[in-house]
């Protein structure tokens, strides 16, 4: 008997070496500058969005100053146009006295507060008044800062933080404008200069 196998034996497979990559003028070059540019653009978008979020109404907090007026003068209980302002800006007609949880929550009892809805936010606004400044009432009922003259209807002659007993803090001849939130008293008089 023969011990030879009749099964055909396949020769071992040979692996051809991969062809070497050579750079030619047609091969794409790596854009090492592209990644930093994309990161920078995304950073600008994120920072810009954050700044917008802080200055938009959703970031408004008690004490902030805003320019506010009804979108429709005939419907002052409707939506208002509200935008953040610096408190010293003449466009800053109001100051945020309270941020409400819902439009059904009431504004504080003592003071001249304007309940305002703007988008999904509900606020209680008070006039943006400062000691030494003169004001007139605009067509929309808001106090508007003006130059002090003998014609000025109202001058804030004194501001007192807190709510002392009525009639104890304002000079003679001035009247009190009291606010419970934030607790403050404005003494309103007339400008006596030229």
N, C-alpha and C. Protein backbone atom coordinates (compact mmCIF):
# COMPACT_ATOMS: atom_id res chain seq x y z
N UNK A 1 0.80 -1.16 0.00
CA UNK A 1 0.00 0.00 0.00
C UNK A 1 0.85 1.22 0.00
N UNK A 2 0.27 2.10 -0.61
CA UNK A 2 1.01 3.33 -0.76
C UNK A 2 0.53 4.33 0.29
N UNK A 3 1.43 5.07 0.86
CA UNK A 3 1.08 6.07 1.88
C UNK A 3 0.95 7.46 1.29
N UNK A 4 0.99 7.54 0.06
CA UNK A 4 0.85 8.87 -0.56
C UNK A 4 -0.59 9.31 -0.52
N UNK A 5 -0.78 10.58 -0.28
CA UNK A 5 -2.14 11.14 -0.20
C UNK A 5 -2.55 11.57 -1.58
N UNK A 6 -3.80 11.35 -1.83
CA UNK A 6 -4.33 11.76 -3.12
C UNK A 6 -4.98 13.14 -3.06
N UNK A 7 -5.05 13.67 -1.86
CA UNK A 7 -5.64 15.03 -1.73
C UNK A 7 -4.66 16.04 -2.31
N UNK A 8 -5.21 16.87 -3.14
CA UNK A 8 -4.29 17.88 -3.70
C UNK A 8 -3.89 18.89 -2.62
N UNK A 9 -2.68 19.26 -2.60
CA UNK A 9 -2.16 20.22 -1.62
C UNK A 9 -2.04 21.57 -2.31
N UNK A 10 -2.66 22.57 -1.63
CA UNK A 10 -2.58 23.92 -2.21
C UNK A 10 -1.34 24.60 -1.67
N UNK A 11 -0.70 25.30 -2.51
CA UNK A 11 0.48 26.02 -2.04
C UNK A 11 0.05 27.16 -1.11
N UNK A 12 0.85 27.48 -0.15
CA UNK A 12 0.47 28.57 0.76
C UNK A 12 0.25 29.86 -0.01
N UNK A 13 -0.77 30.62 0.47
CA UNK A 13 -1.09 31.88 -0.22
C UNK A 13 -0.01 32.89 0.09
N UNK A 14 0.30 33.61 -0.90
CA UNK A 14 1.30 34.66 -0.69
C UNK A 14 0.57 36.00 -0.70
N UNK A 15 0.94 36.81 0.25
CA UNK A 15 0.32 38.13 0.35
C UNK A 15 1.24 39.12 -0.33
N UNK A 16 0.63 39.82 -1.27
CA UNK A 16 1.42 40.81 -1.99
C UNK A 16 1.54 42.05 -1.11
N UNK A 17 2.68 42.64 -1.03
CA UNK A 17 2.82 43.86 -0.23
C UNK A 17 1.95 44.98 -0.80
N UNK A 18 1.40 45.79 0.12
CA UNK A 18 0.55 46.91 -0.31
C UNK A 18 1.42 47.90 -1.06
N UNK A 19 0.82 48.47 -2.07
CA UNK A 19 1.63 49.43 -2.84
C UNK A 19 1.91 50.65 -1.96
N UNK A 20 3.09 51.16 -2.06
CA UNK A 20 3.47 52.32 -1.26
C UNK A 20 2.75 53.55 -1.78
N UNK A 21 2.22 54.38 -0.78
CA UNK A 21 1.52 55.60 -1.18
C UNK A 21 2.57 56.67 -1.43
N UNK A 22 2.46 57.20 -2.56
CA UNK A 22 3.38 58.29 -2.89
C UNK A 22 2.55 59.54 -3.11
N UNK A 23 3.05 60.66 -2.59
CA UNK A 23 2.33 61.92 -2.76
C UNK A 23 2.52 62.40 -4.16
N UNK A 24 1.41 62.67 -4.76
CA UNK A 24 1.45 63.26 -6.10
C UNK A 24 0.70 64.58 -6.02
N UNK A 25 0.70 65.30 -7.06
CA UNK A 25 -0.01 66.58 -7.07
C UNK A 25 -1.53 66.38 -6.99
N UNK A 26 -2.02 65.18 -7.34
CA UNK A 26 -3.45 64.94 -7.31
C UNK A 26 -3.93 64.46 -5.94
N UNK A 27 -3.05 64.02 -5.04
CA UNK A 27 -3.50 63.50 -3.75
C UNK A 27 -3.91 64.66 -2.85
N UNK A 28 -5.01 64.47 -2.01
CA UNK A 28 -5.48 65.56 -1.14
C UNK A 28 -4.46 65.84 -0.05
N UNK A 29 -4.30 67.12 0.25
CA UNK A 29 -3.39 67.52 1.30
C UNK A 29 -4.18 67.70 2.58
N UNK A 30 -3.55 67.45 3.69
CA UNK A 30 -4.22 67.60 4.98
C UNK A 30 -4.41 69.09 5.27
N UNK A 31 -5.67 69.43 5.70
CA UNK A 31 -5.99 70.82 6.05
C UNK A 31 -5.84 70.97 7.56
N UNK A 32 -4.65 71.25 8.00
CA UNK A 32 -4.40 71.37 9.43
C UNK A 32 -5.01 72.66 9.99
N UNK A 33 -5.30 73.63 9.17
CA UNK A 33 -5.89 74.89 9.62
C UNK A 33 -7.40 74.81 9.80
N UNK A 34 -8.04 73.80 9.22
CA UNK A 34 -9.50 73.73 9.22
C UNK A 34 -10.08 73.47 10.61
N UNK A 35 -9.47 72.60 11.38
CA UNK A 35 -10.00 72.27 12.70
C UNK A 35 -10.02 73.49 13.64
N UNK A 36 -8.94 74.26 13.75
CA UNK A 36 -8.99 75.45 14.61
C UNK A 36 -10.04 76.48 14.15
N UNK A 37 -10.24 76.60 12.84
CA UNK A 37 -11.23 77.55 12.34
C UNK A 37 -12.63 77.11 12.76
N UNK A 38 -12.93 75.83 12.64
CA UNK A 38 -14.24 75.31 13.04
C UNK A 38 -14.44 75.52 14.54
N UNK A 39 -13.43 75.23 15.34
CA UNK A 39 -13.53 75.42 16.79
C UNK A 39 -13.77 76.90 17.11
N UNK A 40 -13.07 77.80 16.44
CA UNK A 40 -13.23 79.24 16.68
C UNK A 40 -14.64 79.71 16.32
N UNK A 41 -15.17 79.23 15.19
CA UNK A 41 -16.53 79.61 14.77
C UNK A 41 -17.55 79.12 15.79
N UNK A 42 -17.41 77.89 16.24
CA UNK A 42 -18.34 77.35 17.24
C UNK A 42 -18.25 78.14 18.54
N UNK A 43 -17.04 78.53 18.94
CA UNK A 43 -16.87 79.31 20.17
C UNK A 43 -17.57 80.66 20.06
N UNK A 44 -17.44 81.31 18.90
CA UNK A 44 -18.09 82.60 18.68
C UNK A 44 -19.60 82.45 18.76
N UNK A 45 -20.14 81.40 18.16
CA UNK A 45 -21.58 81.15 18.19
C UNK A 45 -22.04 80.92 19.63
N UNK A 46 -21.31 80.11 20.38
CA UNK A 46 -21.70 79.83 21.76
C UNK A 46 -21.61 81.07 22.64
N UNK A 47 -20.54 81.83 22.51
CA UNK A 47 -20.39 83.05 23.32
C UNK A 47 -21.46 84.06 22.94
N UNK A 48 -21.71 84.24 21.64
CA UNK A 48 -22.75 85.16 21.20
C UNK A 48 -24.11 84.75 21.72
N UNK A 49 -24.41 83.47 21.69
CA UNK A 49 -25.67 82.97 22.23
C UNK A 49 -25.78 83.21 23.72
N UNK A 50 -24.68 83.05 24.44
CA UNK A 50 -24.69 83.31 25.88
C UNK A 50 -24.91 84.77 26.19
N UNK A 51 -24.28 85.66 25.44
CA UNK A 51 -24.48 87.09 25.64
C UNK A 51 -25.93 87.45 25.35
N UNK A 52 -26.49 86.90 24.26
CA UNK A 52 -27.90 87.17 23.95
C UNK A 52 -28.79 86.67 25.08
N UNK A 53 -28.50 85.49 25.60
CA UNK A 53 -29.34 84.94 26.67
C UNK A 53 -29.29 85.82 27.91
N UNK A 54 -28.14 86.42 28.19
CA UNK A 54 -28.03 87.28 29.37
C UNK A 54 -28.73 88.62 29.17
N UNK A 55 -28.76 89.11 27.92
CA UNK A 55 -29.38 90.41 27.69
C UNK A 55 -30.83 90.30 27.27
N UNK A 56 -31.27 89.13 26.87
CA UNK A 56 -32.67 88.96 26.50
C UNK A 56 -33.52 89.00 27.76
N UNK A 57 -34.81 89.13 27.58
CA UNK A 57 -35.72 89.26 28.71
C UNK A 57 -35.64 88.07 29.65
N UNK A 58 -35.38 86.87 29.13
CA UNK A 58 -35.34 85.69 30.00
C UNK A 58 -34.28 85.81 31.08
N UNK A 59 -33.28 86.66 30.87
CA UNK A 59 -32.24 86.83 31.87
C UNK A 59 -32.52 88.02 32.78
N UNK A 60 -33.68 88.65 32.63
CA UNK A 60 -33.99 89.83 33.42
C UNK A 60 -34.24 89.46 34.87
N UNK A 61 -33.67 90.26 35.77
CA UNK A 61 -33.84 89.98 37.20
C UNK A 61 -34.24 91.26 37.92
N UNK A 62 -34.66 91.13 39.16
CA UNK A 62 -35.09 92.27 39.97
C UNK A 62 -33.95 93.30 40.03
N UNK A 63 -34.30 94.55 39.79
CA UNK A 63 -33.33 95.64 39.82
C UNK A 63 -32.84 96.05 38.45
N UNK A 64 -33.00 95.18 37.44
CA UNK A 64 -32.57 95.52 36.08
C UNK A 64 -33.45 96.62 35.51
N UNK A 65 -32.90 97.42 34.64
CA UNK A 65 -33.66 98.48 33.98
C UNK A 65 -34.01 98.05 32.56
N UNK A 66 -35.19 98.47 32.12
CA UNK A 66 -35.69 98.08 30.79
C UNK A 66 -36.40 99.26 30.15
N UNK A 67 -36.50 99.19 28.85
CA UNK A 67 -37.38 100.07 28.09
C UNK A 67 -38.63 99.25 27.84
N UNK A 68 -39.80 99.78 28.21
CA UNK A 68 -41.02 99.00 28.09
C UNK A 68 -42.18 99.87 27.62
N UNK A 69 -42.95 99.32 26.68
CA UNK A 69 -44.16 99.98 26.21
C UNK A 69 -45.09 98.92 25.65
N UNK A 70 -46.41 99.15 25.73
CA UNK A 70 -47.35 98.16 25.20
C UNK A 70 -47.20 98.02 23.69
N UNK A 71 -47.32 96.79 23.20
CA UNK A 71 -47.27 96.59 21.75
C UNK A 71 -48.45 97.28 21.08
N UNK A 72 -49.58 97.28 21.76
CA UNK A 72 -50.78 97.96 21.28
C UNK A 72 -51.24 98.91 22.38
N UNK A 73 -51.14 100.22 22.15
CA UNK A 73 -51.48 101.21 23.17
C UNK A 73 -52.92 101.05 23.65
N UNK A 74 -53.80 100.57 22.78
CA UNK A 74 -55.20 100.37 23.15
C UNK A 74 -55.40 99.12 24.00
N UNK A 75 -54.36 98.28 24.12
CA UNK A 75 -54.45 97.05 24.93
C UNK A 75 -53.25 96.97 25.87
N UNK A 76 -53.19 97.84 26.89
CA UNK A 76 -52.03 97.82 27.79
C UNK A 76 -51.91 96.55 28.61
N UNK A 77 -52.98 95.74 28.67
CA UNK A 77 -52.89 94.48 29.41
C UNK A 77 -52.43 93.34 28.50
N UNK A 78 -52.10 93.65 27.25
CA UNK A 78 -51.57 92.64 26.33
C UNK A 78 -50.06 92.54 26.43
N UNK A 79 -49.44 92.01 25.39
CA UNK A 79 -47.98 91.88 25.37
C UNK A 79 -47.31 93.24 25.25
N UNK A 80 -46.14 93.34 25.83
CA UNK A 80 -45.35 94.57 25.79
C UNK A 80 -44.05 94.33 25.06
N UNK A 81 -43.49 95.41 24.51
CA UNK A 81 -42.14 95.40 23.98
C UNK A 81 -41.22 95.75 25.15
N UNK A 82 -40.34 94.84 25.49
CA UNK A 82 -39.43 95.05 26.62
C UNK A 82 -38.02 94.73 26.16
N UNK A 83 -37.08 95.64 26.43
CA UNK A 83 -35.68 95.37 26.11
C UNK A 83 -34.79 95.90 27.24
N UNK A 84 -33.73 95.18 27.52
CA UNK A 84 -32.80 95.55 28.61
C UNK A 84 -32.08 96.83 28.25
N UNK A 85 -31.86 97.67 29.27
CA UNK A 85 -31.16 98.94 29.11
C UNK A 85 -30.29 99.17 30.33
N UNK A 86 -29.34 100.06 30.21
CA UNK A 86 -28.58 100.51 31.38
C UNK A 86 -29.47 101.46 32.17
N UNK A 87 -29.39 101.45 33.49
CA UNK A 87 -30.29 102.27 34.31
C UNK A 87 -30.10 103.76 34.08
N UNK A 88 -28.93 104.20 33.66
CA UNK A 88 -28.69 105.62 33.38
C UNK A 88 -29.14 106.04 31.99
N UNK A 89 -29.51 105.10 31.15
CA UNK A 89 -29.93 105.40 29.78
C UNK A 89 -31.31 106.05 29.79
N UNK A 90 -31.50 107.10 28.98
CA UNK A 90 -32.81 107.78 28.94
C UNK A 90 -33.90 106.86 28.39
N UNK A 91 -33.53 105.80 27.67
CA UNK A 91 -34.53 104.86 27.15
C UNK A 91 -35.03 103.91 28.24
N UNK A 92 -34.33 103.86 29.38
CA UNK A 92 -34.72 102.96 30.47
C UNK A 92 -35.89 103.57 31.24
N UNK A 93 -37.10 103.23 30.83
CA UNK A 93 -38.30 103.82 31.42
C UNK A 93 -38.72 103.13 32.71
N UNK A 94 -38.33 101.87 32.89
CA UNK A 94 -38.79 101.09 34.03
C UNK A 94 -37.65 100.30 34.67
N UNK A 95 -37.92 99.86 35.89
CA UNK A 95 -37.01 98.99 36.62
C UNK A 95 -37.82 97.75 37.01
N UNK A 96 -37.20 96.57 36.93
CA UNK A 96 -37.90 95.33 37.30
C UNK A 96 -38.01 95.26 38.81
N UNK A 97 -39.24 95.29 39.32
CA UNK A 97 -39.48 95.22 40.76
C UNK A 97 -39.68 93.79 41.21
N UNK A 98 -40.28 92.97 40.35
CA UNK A 98 -40.57 91.58 40.71
C UNK A 98 -40.73 90.76 39.45
N UNK A 99 -40.19 89.54 39.48
CA UNK A 99 -40.41 88.58 38.40
C UNK A 99 -41.47 87.62 38.90
N UNK A 100 -42.58 87.52 38.16
CA UNK A 100 -43.71 86.70 38.59
C UNK A 100 -43.57 85.27 38.10
N UNK A 101 -44.10 84.32 38.87
CA UNK A 101 -44.10 82.93 38.45
C UNK A 101 -45.11 82.68 37.35
N UNK A 102 -46.23 83.43 37.38
CA UNK A 102 -47.24 83.31 36.32
C UNK A 102 -47.92 84.65 36.15
N UNK A 103 -48.61 84.83 35.03
CA UNK A 103 -49.30 86.08 34.74
C UNK A 103 -50.44 86.33 35.72
N UNK A 104 -50.89 85.30 36.42
CA UNK A 104 -51.98 85.46 37.38
C UNK A 104 -51.51 85.96 38.75
N UNK A 105 -50.20 85.93 39.00
CA UNK A 105 -49.67 86.43 40.28
C UNK A 105 -49.82 87.95 40.32
N UNK A 106 -50.12 88.51 41.48
CA UNK A 106 -50.29 89.96 41.58
C UNK A 106 -48.97 90.69 41.79
N UNK A 107 -48.96 91.96 41.39
CA UNK A 107 -47.84 92.84 41.71
C UNK A 107 -48.01 93.30 43.15
N UNK A 108 -46.95 93.82 43.78
CA UNK A 108 -47.08 94.32 45.15
C UNK A 108 -48.17 95.38 45.26
N UNK A 109 -48.72 95.52 46.48
CA UNK A 109 -49.84 96.44 46.70
C UNK A 109 -49.43 97.91 46.71
N UNK A 110 -48.34 98.23 47.40
CA UNK A 110 -48.00 99.63 47.59
C UNK A 110 -47.01 100.10 46.53
N UNK A 111 -47.43 101.03 45.70
CA UNK A 111 -46.57 101.58 44.66
C UNK A 111 -47.27 101.61 43.32
N UNK A 112 -46.61 102.23 42.35
CA UNK A 112 -47.13 102.27 40.97
C UNK A 112 -46.39 101.18 40.20
N UNK A 113 -47.03 100.04 40.05
CA UNK A 113 -46.43 98.91 39.34
C UNK A 113 -47.22 98.64 38.06
N UNK A 114 -46.49 98.25 37.04
CA UNK A 114 -47.10 97.89 35.77
C UNK A 114 -46.93 96.39 35.59
N UNK A 115 -48.04 95.61 35.64
CA UNK A 115 -47.90 94.18 35.35
C UNK A 115 -47.71 94.02 33.85
N UNK A 116 -46.65 93.35 33.46
CA UNK A 116 -46.26 93.27 32.06
C UNK A 116 -46.07 91.82 31.63
N UNK A 117 -46.56 91.51 30.44
CA UNK A 117 -46.30 90.21 29.81
C UNK A 117 -45.47 90.48 28.57
N UNK A 118 -44.40 89.75 28.42
CA UNK A 118 -43.58 89.86 27.23
C UNK A 118 -43.12 88.46 26.88
N UNK A 119 -43.65 87.94 25.78
CA UNK A 119 -43.36 86.54 25.44
C UNK A 119 -43.95 85.67 26.53
N UNK A 120 -43.17 84.81 27.13
CA UNK A 120 -43.64 83.94 28.20
C UNK A 120 -43.35 84.48 29.58
N UNK A 121 -42.78 85.67 29.69
CA UNK A 121 -42.40 86.22 30.98
C UNK A 121 -43.44 87.18 31.52
N UNK A 122 -43.59 87.20 32.84
CA UNK A 122 -44.48 88.14 33.52
C UNK A 122 -43.67 88.89 34.56
N UNK A 123 -43.76 90.21 34.50
CA UNK A 123 -42.95 91.06 35.37
C UNK A 123 -43.81 92.14 36.01
N UNK A 124 -43.35 92.66 37.13
CA UNK A 124 -43.91 93.87 37.72
C UNK A 124 -42.85 94.94 37.54
N UNK A 125 -43.19 95.98 36.80
CA UNK A 125 -42.26 97.06 36.54
C UNK A 125 -42.66 98.29 37.35
N UNK A 126 -41.66 99.01 37.80
CA UNK A 126 -41.87 100.28 38.49
C UNK A 126 -41.13 101.34 37.69
N UNK A 127 -41.47 102.62 37.85
CA UNK A 127 -40.75 103.66 37.11
C UNK A 127 -39.25 103.64 37.47
N UNK A 128 -38.43 103.94 36.49
CA UNK A 128 -36.99 104.05 36.72
C UNK A 128 -36.70 105.49 37.13
N UNK A 129 -36.71 105.73 38.43
CA UNK A 129 -36.52 107.07 38.98
C UNK A 129 -35.19 107.17 39.71
N UNK A 130 -34.60 108.36 39.70
CA UNK A 130 -33.34 108.58 40.42
C UNK A 130 -33.36 109.96 41.06
N UNK A 131 -32.81 110.04 42.24
CA UNK A 131 -32.74 111.31 42.98
C UNK A 131 -32.02 112.36 42.15
N UNK A 132 -32.61 113.57 42.11
CA UNK A 132 -32.00 114.68 41.38
C UNK A 132 -32.48 114.81 39.95
N UNK A 133 -33.16 113.80 39.41
CA UNK A 133 -33.64 113.85 38.03
C UNK A 133 -35.06 114.39 37.95
N UNK A 134 -35.39 114.98 36.80
CA UNK A 134 -36.73 115.48 36.54
C UNK A 134 -37.42 114.57 35.52
N UNK A 135 -38.74 114.47 35.63
CA UNK A 135 -39.51 113.55 34.80
C UNK A 135 -40.82 114.19 34.34
N UNK A 136 -41.28 113.72 33.21
CA UNK A 136 -42.61 114.04 32.73
C UNK A 136 -43.29 112.73 32.41
N UNK A 137 -44.60 112.73 32.33
CA UNK A 137 -45.33 111.51 32.02
C UNK A 137 -45.57 111.46 30.51
N UNK A 138 -45.17 110.35 29.88
CA UNK A 138 -45.34 110.20 28.44
C UNK A 138 -46.76 109.80 28.08
N UNK A 139 -47.03 109.71 26.79
CA UNK A 139 -48.36 109.31 26.31
C UNK A 139 -48.75 107.92 26.80
N UNK A 140 -47.75 107.06 27.01
CA UNK A 140 -48.03 105.69 27.46
C UNK A 140 -48.09 105.60 28.98
N UNK A 141 -47.99 106.74 29.68
CA UNK A 141 -48.08 106.74 31.14
C UNK A 141 -46.76 106.55 31.85
N UNK A 142 -45.70 106.26 31.11
CA UNK A 142 -44.39 106.03 31.72
C UNK A 142 -43.73 107.36 32.05
N UNK A 143 -42.96 107.38 33.14
CA UNK A 143 -42.16 108.55 33.48
C UNK A 143 -41.01 108.61 32.50
N UNK A 144 -40.80 109.78 31.91
CA UNK A 144 -39.68 109.95 30.98
C UNK A 144 -38.75 111.00 31.57
N UNK A 145 -37.45 110.66 31.62
CA UNK A 145 -36.45 111.59 32.14
C UNK A 145 -36.32 112.77 31.20
N UNK A 146 -36.19 113.97 31.77
CA UNK A 146 -36.00 115.16 30.96
C UNK A 146 -35.05 116.10 31.68
N UNK A 147 -34.56 117.10 30.96
CA UNK A 147 -33.71 118.11 31.58
C UNK A 147 -34.54 118.90 32.59
N UNK A 148 -33.96 119.21 33.72
CA UNK A 148 -34.67 119.97 34.76
C UNK A 148 -34.77 121.44 34.37
N UNK A 149 -35.99 121.94 34.29
CA UNK A 149 -36.27 123.35 34.05
C UNK A 149 -37.40 123.77 34.99
N UNK A 150 -37.71 125.06 35.00
CA UNK A 150 -38.83 125.51 35.83
C UNK A 150 -40.15 124.95 35.34
N UNK A 151 -40.17 124.41 34.12
CA UNK A 151 -41.38 123.82 33.55
C UNK A 151 -41.51 122.33 33.89
N UNK A 152 -40.49 121.74 34.47
CA UNK A 152 -40.52 120.30 34.76
C UNK A 152 -41.64 119.98 35.75
N UNK A 153 -42.49 119.01 35.41
CA UNK A 153 -43.61 118.69 36.30
C UNK A 153 -43.18 117.98 37.58
N UNK A 154 -42.15 117.14 37.54
CA UNK A 154 -41.76 116.35 38.71
C UNK A 154 -40.24 116.27 38.82
N UNK A 155 -39.75 116.50 40.04
CA UNK A 155 -38.33 116.28 40.32
C UNK A 155 -38.25 115.36 41.54
N UNK A 156 -37.38 114.36 41.46
CA UNK A 156 -37.16 113.49 42.62
C UNK A 156 -36.13 114.20 43.50
N UNK A 157 -36.61 114.77 44.60
CA UNK A 157 -35.73 115.56 45.46
C UNK A 157 -35.00 114.70 46.48
N UNK A 158 -35.52 113.49 46.72
CA UNK A 158 -34.86 112.61 47.68
C UNK A 158 -35.34 111.18 47.45
N UNK A 159 -34.43 110.22 47.67
CA UNK A 159 -34.78 108.80 47.63
C UNK A 159 -34.34 108.17 48.93
N UNK A 160 -35.21 107.38 49.53
CA UNK A 160 -34.90 106.71 50.80
C UNK A 160 -35.13 105.21 50.61
N UNK A 161 -34.14 104.40 50.97
CA UNK A 161 -34.31 102.95 50.93
C UNK A 161 -35.08 102.52 52.18
N UNK A 162 -35.95 101.52 52.02
CA UNK A 162 -36.77 101.05 53.13
C UNK A 162 -38.11 101.77 53.12
N UNK A 163 -38.95 101.44 54.09
CA UNK A 163 -40.28 102.06 54.19
C UNK A 163 -40.48 102.67 55.58
N UNK A 164 -39.86 103.82 55.81
CA UNK A 164 -40.08 104.47 57.10
C UNK A 164 -41.54 104.95 57.19
N UNK A 165 -41.94 105.33 58.39
CA UNK A 165 -43.31 105.79 58.62
C UNK A 165 -43.64 106.94 57.67
N UNK A 166 -44.88 106.92 57.15
CA UNK A 166 -45.31 107.96 56.22
C UNK A 166 -45.16 109.34 56.83
N UNK A 167 -44.74 110.29 56.01
CA UNK A 167 -44.62 111.67 56.44
C UNK A 167 -43.39 112.00 57.25
N UNK A 168 -42.44 111.07 57.34
CA UNK A 168 -41.26 111.32 58.19
C UNK A 168 -39.97 111.57 57.41
N UNK A 169 -39.95 111.35 56.09
CA UNK A 169 -38.67 111.43 55.39
C UNK A 169 -38.60 112.48 54.30
N UNK A 170 -39.72 112.91 53.75
CA UNK A 170 -39.68 113.85 52.63
C UNK A 170 -39.69 115.29 53.11
N UNK A 171 -38.94 116.16 52.42
CA UNK A 171 -38.92 117.57 52.79
C UNK A 171 -40.31 118.21 52.61
N UNK A 172 -40.52 119.29 53.33
CA UNK A 172 -41.79 120.01 53.23
C UNK A 172 -42.02 120.46 51.79
N UNK A 173 -43.25 120.32 51.34
CA UNK A 173 -43.60 120.72 49.98
C UNK A 173 -43.45 119.61 48.96
N UNK A 174 -42.92 118.46 49.37
CA UNK A 174 -42.80 117.32 48.44
C UNK A 174 -43.77 116.23 48.87
N UNK A 175 -44.07 115.34 47.95
CA UNK A 175 -44.98 114.24 48.26
C UNK A 175 -44.24 112.92 48.14
N UNK A 176 -44.76 111.90 48.81
CA UNK A 176 -44.11 110.59 48.83
C UNK A 176 -44.68 109.69 47.74
N UNK A 177 -43.79 108.98 47.09
CA UNK A 177 -44.16 107.89 46.19
C UNK A 177 -43.51 106.66 46.79
N UNK A 178 -44.32 105.77 47.36
CA UNK A 178 -43.82 104.62 48.13
C UNK A 178 -43.94 103.33 47.31
N UNK A 179 -42.92 102.47 47.46
CA UNK A 179 -42.91 101.16 46.82
C UNK A 179 -42.58 100.11 47.88
N UNK A 180 -43.37 99.03 47.89
CA UNK A 180 -43.11 97.97 48.87
C UNK A 180 -42.02 97.00 48.39
N UNK A 181 -41.86 96.84 47.07
CA UNK A 181 -40.81 95.96 46.53
C UNK A 181 -40.15 96.63 45.34
N UNK A 182 -38.88 96.89 45.37
CA UNK A 182 -38.04 96.94 46.56
C UNK A 182 -38.48 98.11 47.44
N UNK A 183 -38.38 97.92 48.74
CA UNK A 183 -38.86 98.90 49.70
C UNK A 183 -38.10 100.21 49.51
N UNK A 184 -38.84 101.25 49.10
CA UNK A 184 -38.20 102.54 48.85
C UNK A 184 -39.25 103.64 48.83
N UNK A 185 -38.79 104.86 49.09
CA UNK A 185 -39.65 106.04 49.05
C UNK A 185 -38.95 107.08 48.18
N UNK A 186 -39.70 107.64 47.23
CA UNK A 186 -39.21 108.73 46.39
C UNK A 186 -39.97 109.99 46.79
N UNK A 187 -39.26 111.05 47.07
CA UNK A 187 -39.87 112.34 47.43
C UNK A 187 -39.95 113.18 46.16
N UNK A 188 -41.20 113.46 45.75
CA UNK A 188 -41.42 114.20 44.50
C UNK A 188 -41.73 115.65 44.81
N UNK A 189 -40.98 116.54 44.17
CA UNK A 189 -41.19 117.97 44.33
C UNK A 189 -41.12 118.65 42.99
N UNK A 190 -40.78 119.91 42.98
CA UNK A 190 -40.64 120.66 41.73
C UNK A 190 -39.22 121.22 41.67
N UNK A 191 -38.74 121.40 40.46
CA UNK A 191 -37.40 121.97 40.25
C UNK A 191 -37.49 123.46 40.49
N UNK A 192 -36.60 123.98 41.32
CA UNK A 192 -36.67 125.40 41.67
C UNK A 192 -35.52 126.20 41.06
N UNK A 193 -34.74 125.60 40.20
CA UNK A 193 -33.63 126.31 39.56
C UNK A 193 -34.06 126.88 38.23
N UNK A 194 -33.08 127.42 37.50
CA UNK A 194 -33.40 128.00 36.19
C UNK A 194 -33.24 126.98 35.09
